[in-house]
Amino acid sequence: MSLELVLTGLGYNVNNSLLEQVKRVLSACDFDEKEIEHIINLHEKIKHLDGFVALSNSEDKFKIKCESQIPQIIDEFNEIVPLWASKYKIIIEKLPNKQTYYIVRRES
């Protein structure tokens, strides 16, 4: 999967800065094409929950975030994301007191 497809799959416009960031993220996480597809599919799956997968502004990682303030939606989001990570053997890290997860890497 091309870097451009990763960006457009997550809703970004393609530019050199984002292409370089995606390259760093993928290198750090050592993801293969199948794992990238799972990440893009998760992005689509959580849209109805005001959720999305994006590039972190502060770290070279993908983040999974829910912007909803509705408790039931937040609960559903927080059920879906860990199940997704477990199913595809991807290590995630939840940020304290936020509805945000970082995708760290694949399980060994």
N, C-alpha and C. Protein backbone atom coordinates (compact mmCIF):
# COMPACT_ATOMS: atom_id res chain seq x y z
N MET A 1 0.85 -1.18 0.00
CA MET A 1 0.00 0.00 0.00
C MET A 1 0.89 1.23 0.00
N SER A 2 0.58 2.17 -0.85
CA SER A 2 1.41 3.36 -0.95
C SER A 2 1.15 4.31 0.22
N LEU A 3 2.12 5.16 0.49
CA LEU A 3 1.97 6.16 1.54
C LEU A 3 0.81 7.10 1.24
N GLU A 4 0.61 7.41 -0.03
CA GLU A 4 -0.49 8.28 -0.44
C GLU A 4 -1.83 7.65 -0.08
N LEU A 5 -1.94 6.34 -0.31
CA LEU A 5 -3.20 5.64 0.02
C LEU A 5 -3.46 5.61 1.52
N VAL A 6 -2.40 5.52 2.31
CA VAL A 6 -2.55 5.58 3.76
C VAL A 6 -3.14 6.93 4.15
N LEU A 7 -2.57 7.99 3.62
CA LEU A 7 -3.05 9.34 3.95
C LEU A 7 -4.48 9.55 3.50
N THR A 8 -4.78 9.22 2.26
CA THR A 8 -6.14 9.46 1.76
C THR A 8 -7.13 8.54 2.48
N GLY A 9 -6.72 7.34 2.84
CA GLY A 9 -7.59 6.43 3.58
C GLY A 9 -7.96 6.96 4.95
N LEU A 10 -7.11 7.80 5.52
CA LEU A 10 -7.38 8.42 6.82
C LEU A 10 -7.96 9.83 6.68
N GLY A 11 -8.23 10.24 5.45
CA GLY A 11 -8.88 11.53 5.23
C GLY A 11 -7.96 12.72 5.09
N TYR A 12 -6.68 12.48 4.88
CA TYR A 12 -5.72 13.57 4.73
C TYR A 12 -5.53 13.94 3.26
N ASN A 13 -5.15 15.18 3.04
CA ASN A 13 -4.62 15.58 1.73
C ASN A 13 -3.14 15.23 1.73
N VAL A 14 -2.65 14.84 0.60
CA VAL A 14 -1.26 14.39 0.50
C VAL A 14 -0.33 15.60 0.35
N ASN A 15 0.69 15.65 1.21
CA ASN A 15 1.77 16.64 1.04
C ASN A 15 3.06 16.00 1.55
N ASN A 16 4.18 16.60 1.23
CA ASN A 16 5.49 16.02 1.56
C ASN A 16 5.69 15.82 3.06
N SER A 17 5.25 16.77 3.86
CA SER A 17 5.42 16.69 5.30
C SER A 17 4.67 15.47 5.87
N LEU A 18 3.42 15.28 5.44
CA LEU A 18 2.65 14.14 5.92
C LEU A 18 3.20 12.81 5.38
N LEU A 19 3.68 12.82 4.14
CA LEU A 19 4.28 11.60 3.59
C LEU A 19 5.49 11.18 4.42
N GLU A 20 6.31 12.14 4.82
CA GLU A 20 7.48 11.83 5.65
C GLU A 20 7.06 11.33 7.03
N GLN A 21 6.00 11.94 7.60
CA GLN A 21 5.54 11.48 8.91
C GLN A 21 4.99 10.06 8.83
N VAL A 22 4.20 9.76 7.82
CA VAL A 22 3.68 8.39 7.66
C VAL A 22 4.82 7.40 7.51
N LYS A 23 5.83 7.77 6.75
CA LYS A 23 6.98 6.90 6.57
C LYS A 23 7.65 6.61 7.92
N ARG A 24 7.81 7.63 8.76
CA ARG A 24 8.43 7.45 10.08
C ARG A 24 7.55 6.57 10.98
N VAL A 25 6.23 6.81 10.95
CA VAL A 25 5.31 6.03 11.78
C VAL A 25 5.35 4.56 11.38
N LEU A 26 5.26 4.30 10.09
CA LEU A 26 5.26 2.92 9.62
C LEU A 26 6.58 2.22 9.92
N SER A 27 7.66 2.95 9.81
CA SER A 27 8.97 2.39 10.11
C SER A 27 9.09 2.06 11.60
N ALA A 28 8.64 2.96 12.45
CA ALA A 28 8.74 2.75 13.89
C ALA A 28 7.86 1.59 14.35
N CYS A 29 6.70 1.42 13.72
CA CYS A 29 5.76 0.37 14.12
C CYS A 29 6.01 -0.94 13.40
N ASP A 30 6.76 -0.89 12.30
CA ASP A 30 7.05 -2.08 11.51
C ASP A 30 5.77 -2.77 11.03
N PHE A 31 4.81 -1.96 10.55
CA PHE A 31 3.55 -2.52 10.06
C PHE A 31 3.69 -2.98 8.63
N ASP A 32 2.98 -4.07 8.33
CA ASP A 32 2.91 -4.52 6.95
C ASP A 32 1.60 -4.02 6.33
N GLU A 33 1.39 -4.35 5.08
CA GLU A 33 0.24 -3.83 4.35
C GLU A 33 -1.08 -4.25 4.99
N LYS A 34 -1.16 -5.47 5.49
CA LYS A 34 -2.40 -5.97 6.11
C LYS A 34 -2.74 -5.16 7.35
N GLU A 35 -1.74 -4.85 8.16
CA GLU A 35 -1.99 -4.07 9.39
C GLU A 35 -2.43 -2.66 9.04
N ILE A 36 -1.87 -2.10 8.00
CA ILE A 36 -2.28 -0.76 7.57
C ILE A 36 -3.74 -0.79 7.13
N GLU A 37 -4.14 -1.84 6.41
CA GLU A 37 -5.54 -1.98 6.01
C GLU A 37 -6.45 -2.06 7.23
N HIS A 38 -6.03 -2.78 8.26
CA HIS A 38 -6.83 -2.88 9.49
C HIS A 38 -7.00 -1.51 10.14
N ILE A 39 -5.96 -0.70 10.12
CA ILE A 39 -6.01 0.64 10.71
C ILE A 39 -6.99 1.52 9.93
N ILE A 40 -6.91 1.46 8.62
CA ILE A 40 -7.83 2.26 7.79
C ILE A 40 -9.27 1.77 7.97
N ASN A 41 -9.47 0.47 8.07
CA ASN A 41 -10.81 -0.08 8.31
C ASN A 41 -11.35 0.36 9.67
N LEU A 42 -10.49 0.42 10.69
CA LEU A 42 -10.92 0.91 12.00
C LEU A 42 -11.37 2.36 11.89
N HIS A 43 -10.64 3.15 11.14
CA HIS A 43 -10.99 4.56 10.93
C HIS A 43 -12.43 4.66 10.41
N GLU A 44 -12.76 3.83 9.44
CA GLU A 44 -14.12 3.83 8.88
C GLU A 44 -15.14 3.31 9.90
N LYS A 45 -14.77 2.31 10.67
CA LYS A 45 -15.69 1.67 11.62
C LYS A 45 -16.10 2.59 12.77
N ILE A 46 -15.23 3.50 13.17
CA ILE A 46 -15.53 4.33 14.35
C ILE A 46 -16.02 5.73 13.99
N LYS A 47 -16.16 6.02 12.72
CA LYS A 47 -16.64 7.35 12.31
C LYS A 47 -17.99 7.68 12.93
N HIS A 48 -18.90 6.71 12.97
CA HIS A 48 -20.24 6.97 13.50
C HIS A 48 -20.22 7.28 15.00
N LEU A 49 -19.09 7.05 15.65
CA LEU A 49 -18.92 7.33 17.08
C LEU A 49 -18.16 8.64 17.30
N ASP A 50 -18.06 9.46 16.27
CA ASP A 50 -17.21 10.66 16.31
C ASP A 50 -15.77 10.27 16.60
N GLY A 51 -15.38 9.12 16.08
CA GLY A 51 -14.02 8.62 16.25
C GLY A 51 -13.26 8.64 14.95
N PHE A 52 -11.95 8.55 15.06
CA PHE A 52 -11.10 8.55 13.87
C PHE A 52 -9.72 8.06 14.24
N VAL A 53 -8.98 7.68 13.20
CA VAL A 53 -7.56 7.38 13.34
C VAL A 53 -6.83 8.51 12.63
N ALA A 54 -5.79 9.02 13.26
CA ALA A 54 -5.05 10.15 12.69
C ALA A 54 -3.57 10.02 13.04
N LEU A 55 -2.79 10.86 12.43
CA LEU A 55 -1.39 10.98 12.80
C LEU A 55 -1.30 11.87 14.03
N SER A 56 -0.54 11.45 15.01
CA SER A 56 -0.36 12.27 16.21
C SER A 56 0.43 13.53 15.87
N ASN A 57 0.07 14.61 16.51
CA ASN A 57 0.82 15.87 16.33
C ASN A 57 2.09 15.89 17.16
N SER A 58 2.13 15.08 18.22
CA SER A 58 3.25 15.16 19.15
C SER A 58 4.23 13.99 19.06
N GLU A 59 3.80 12.88 18.45
CA GLU A 59 4.67 11.71 18.35
C GLU A 59 4.50 11.07 16.97
N ASP A 60 5.48 10.31 16.56
CA ASP A 60 5.37 9.59 15.29
C ASP A 60 4.61 8.29 15.51
N LYS A 61 3.31 8.43 15.72
CA LYS A 61 2.42 7.31 15.95
C LYS A 61 1.05 7.65 15.36
N PHE A 62 0.28 6.59 15.11
CA PHE A 62 -1.12 6.79 14.81
C PHE A 62 -1.85 6.93 16.14
N LYS A 63 -2.86 7.78 16.16
CA LYS A 63 -3.71 7.86 17.35
C LYS A 63 -5.13 7.52 16.94
N ILE A 64 -5.86 6.99 17.89
CA ILE A 64 -7.27 6.65 17.71
C ILE A 64 -8.01 7.52 18.73
N LYS A 65 -8.93 8.33 18.25
CA LYS A 65 -9.55 9.30 19.15
C LYS A 65 -11.05 9.35 18.97
N CYS A 66 -11.75 9.59 20.07
CA CYS A 66 -13.20 9.80 20.06
C CYS A 66 -13.46 11.21 20.57
N GLU A 67 -14.21 11.99 19.79
CA GLU A 67 -14.50 13.36 20.19
C GLU A 67 -15.90 13.53 20.77
N SER A 68 -16.64 12.46 20.87
CA SER A 68 -18.00 12.53 21.41
C SER A 68 -17.95 12.83 22.91
N GLN A 69 -19.00 13.50 23.39
CA GLN A 69 -19.16 13.75 24.82
C GLN A 69 -20.28 12.89 25.40
N ILE A 70 -20.89 12.05 24.59
CA ILE A 70 -22.02 11.22 25.01
C ILE A 70 -21.49 9.93 25.64
N PRO A 71 -21.81 9.70 26.91
CA PRO A 71 -21.24 8.55 27.62
C PRO A 71 -21.44 7.20 26.92
N GLN A 72 -22.61 6.96 26.34
CA GLN A 72 -22.85 5.67 25.68
C GLN A 72 -21.95 5.50 24.46
N ILE A 73 -21.72 6.57 23.73
CA ILE A 73 -20.85 6.52 22.56
C ILE A 73 -19.40 6.30 23.00
N ILE A 74 -19.00 7.00 24.04
CA ILE A 74 -17.64 6.83 24.57
C ILE A 74 -17.43 5.39 25.03
N ASP A 75 -18.43 4.83 25.71
CA ASP A 75 -18.32 3.44 26.16
C ASP A 75 -18.17 2.49 24.98
N GLU A 76 -18.98 2.70 23.93
CA GLU A 76 -18.89 1.83 22.75
C GLU A 76 -17.52 1.96 22.09
N PHE A 77 -17.03 3.18 21.98
CA PHE A 77 -15.69 3.43 21.42
C PHE A 77 -14.63 2.67 22.23
N ASN A 78 -14.73 2.78 23.56
CA ASN A 78 -13.74 2.14 24.43
C ASN A 78 -13.90 0.62 24.51
N GLU A 79 -14.97 0.08 23.96
CA GLU A 79 -15.11 -1.36 23.80
C GLU A 79 -14.52 -1.80 22.46
N ILE A 80 -14.81 -1.05 21.41
CA ILE A 80 -14.40 -1.42 20.06
C ILE A 80 -12.88 -1.40 19.91
N VAL A 81 -12.24 -0.35 20.38
CA VAL A 81 -10.80 -0.18 20.12
C VAL A 81 -9.95 -1.29 20.74
N PRO A 82 -10.11 -1.62 22.03
CA PRO A 82 -9.30 -2.72 22.57
C PRO A 82 -9.60 -4.07 21.91
N LEU A 83 -10.87 -4.32 21.56
CA LEU A 83 -11.20 -5.57 20.87
C LEU A 83 -10.53 -5.63 19.50
N TRP A 84 -10.54 -4.51 18.80
CA TRP A 84 -9.87 -4.42 17.50
C TRP A 84 -8.38 -4.71 17.66
N ALA A 85 -7.75 -4.08 18.64
CA ALA A 85 -6.32 -4.26 18.85
C ALA A 85 -5.99 -5.71 19.20
N SER A 86 -6.81 -6.32 20.02
CA SER A 86 -6.59 -7.71 20.40
C SER A 86 -6.75 -8.63 19.19
N LYS A 87 -7.79 -8.40 18.41
CA LYS A 87 -8.06 -9.24 17.24
C LYS A 87 -6.90 -9.23 16.25
N TYR A 88 -6.33 -8.04 16.03
CA TYR A 88 -5.27 -7.92 15.04
C TYR A 88 -3.86 -7.90 15.64
N LYS A 89 -3.78 -8.18 16.95
CA LYS A 89 -2.49 -8.29 17.65
C LYS A 89 -1.65 -7.02 17.52
N ILE A 90 -2.33 -5.90 17.82
CA ILE A 90 -1.68 -4.60 17.77
C ILE A 90 -1.68 -4.02 19.19
N ILE A 91 -0.55 -3.55 19.62
CA ILE A 91 -0.43 -2.98 20.96
C ILE A 91 -0.85 -1.51 20.91
N ILE A 92 -1.78 -1.17 21.80
CA ILE A 92 -2.24 0.21 21.92
C ILE A 92 -1.97 0.70 23.33
N GLU A 93 -1.98 2.00 23.48
CA GLU A 93 -1.76 2.62 24.80
C GLU A 93 -2.80 3.72 24.97
N LYS A 94 -3.63 3.62 26.01
CA LYS A 94 -4.66 4.63 26.25
C LYS A 94 -4.06 5.78 27.05
N LEU A 95 -4.35 6.99 26.62
CA LEU A 95 -3.89 8.16 27.35
C LEU A 95 -4.79 8.37 28.57
N PRO A 96 -4.21 8.67 29.71
CA PRO A 96 -5.02 8.85 30.92
C PRO A 96 -6.03 9.98 30.76
N ASN A 97 -7.24 9.73 31.23
CA ASN A 97 -8.31 10.72 31.26
C ASN A 97 -8.69 11.28 29.90
N LYS A 98 -8.40 10.55 28.83
CA LYS A 98 -8.76 10.98 27.49
C LYS A 98 -9.33 9.80 26.73
N GLN A 99 -10.10 10.08 25.72
CA GLN A 99 -10.63 9.04 24.84
C GLN A 99 -9.71 8.92 23.64
N THR A 100 -8.44 8.71 23.92
CA THR A 100 -7.41 8.64 22.90
C THR A 100 -6.47 7.48 23.19
N TYR A 101 -6.15 6.76 22.13
CA TYR A 101 -5.19 5.66 22.19
C TYR A 101 -4.09 5.93 21.18
N TYR A 102 -2.89 5.51 21.50
CA TYR A 102 -1.80 5.48 20.53
C TYR A 102 -1.63 4.05 20.05
N ILE A 103 -1.40 3.89 18.76
CA ILE A 103 -1.05 2.59 18.22
C ILE A 103 0.47 2.49 18.34
N VAL A 104 0.93 1.57 19.16
CA VAL A 104 2.34 1.50 19.51
C VAL A 104 3.13 0.64 18.51
N ARG A 105 2.67 -0.60 18.32
CA ARG A 105 3.35 -1.52 17.41
C ARG A 105 2.54 -2.81 17.35
N ARG A 106 2.99 -3.73 16.54
CA ARG A 106 2.35 -5.05 16.52
C ARG A 106 2.94 -5.90 17.63
N GLU A 107 2.16 -6.90 18.06
CA GLU A 107 2.68 -7.83 19.06
C GLU A 107 3.78 -8.66 18.44
N SER A 108 4.74 -9.07 19.27
CA SER A 108 5.85 -9.89 18.79
C SER A 108 5.40 -11.30 18.50
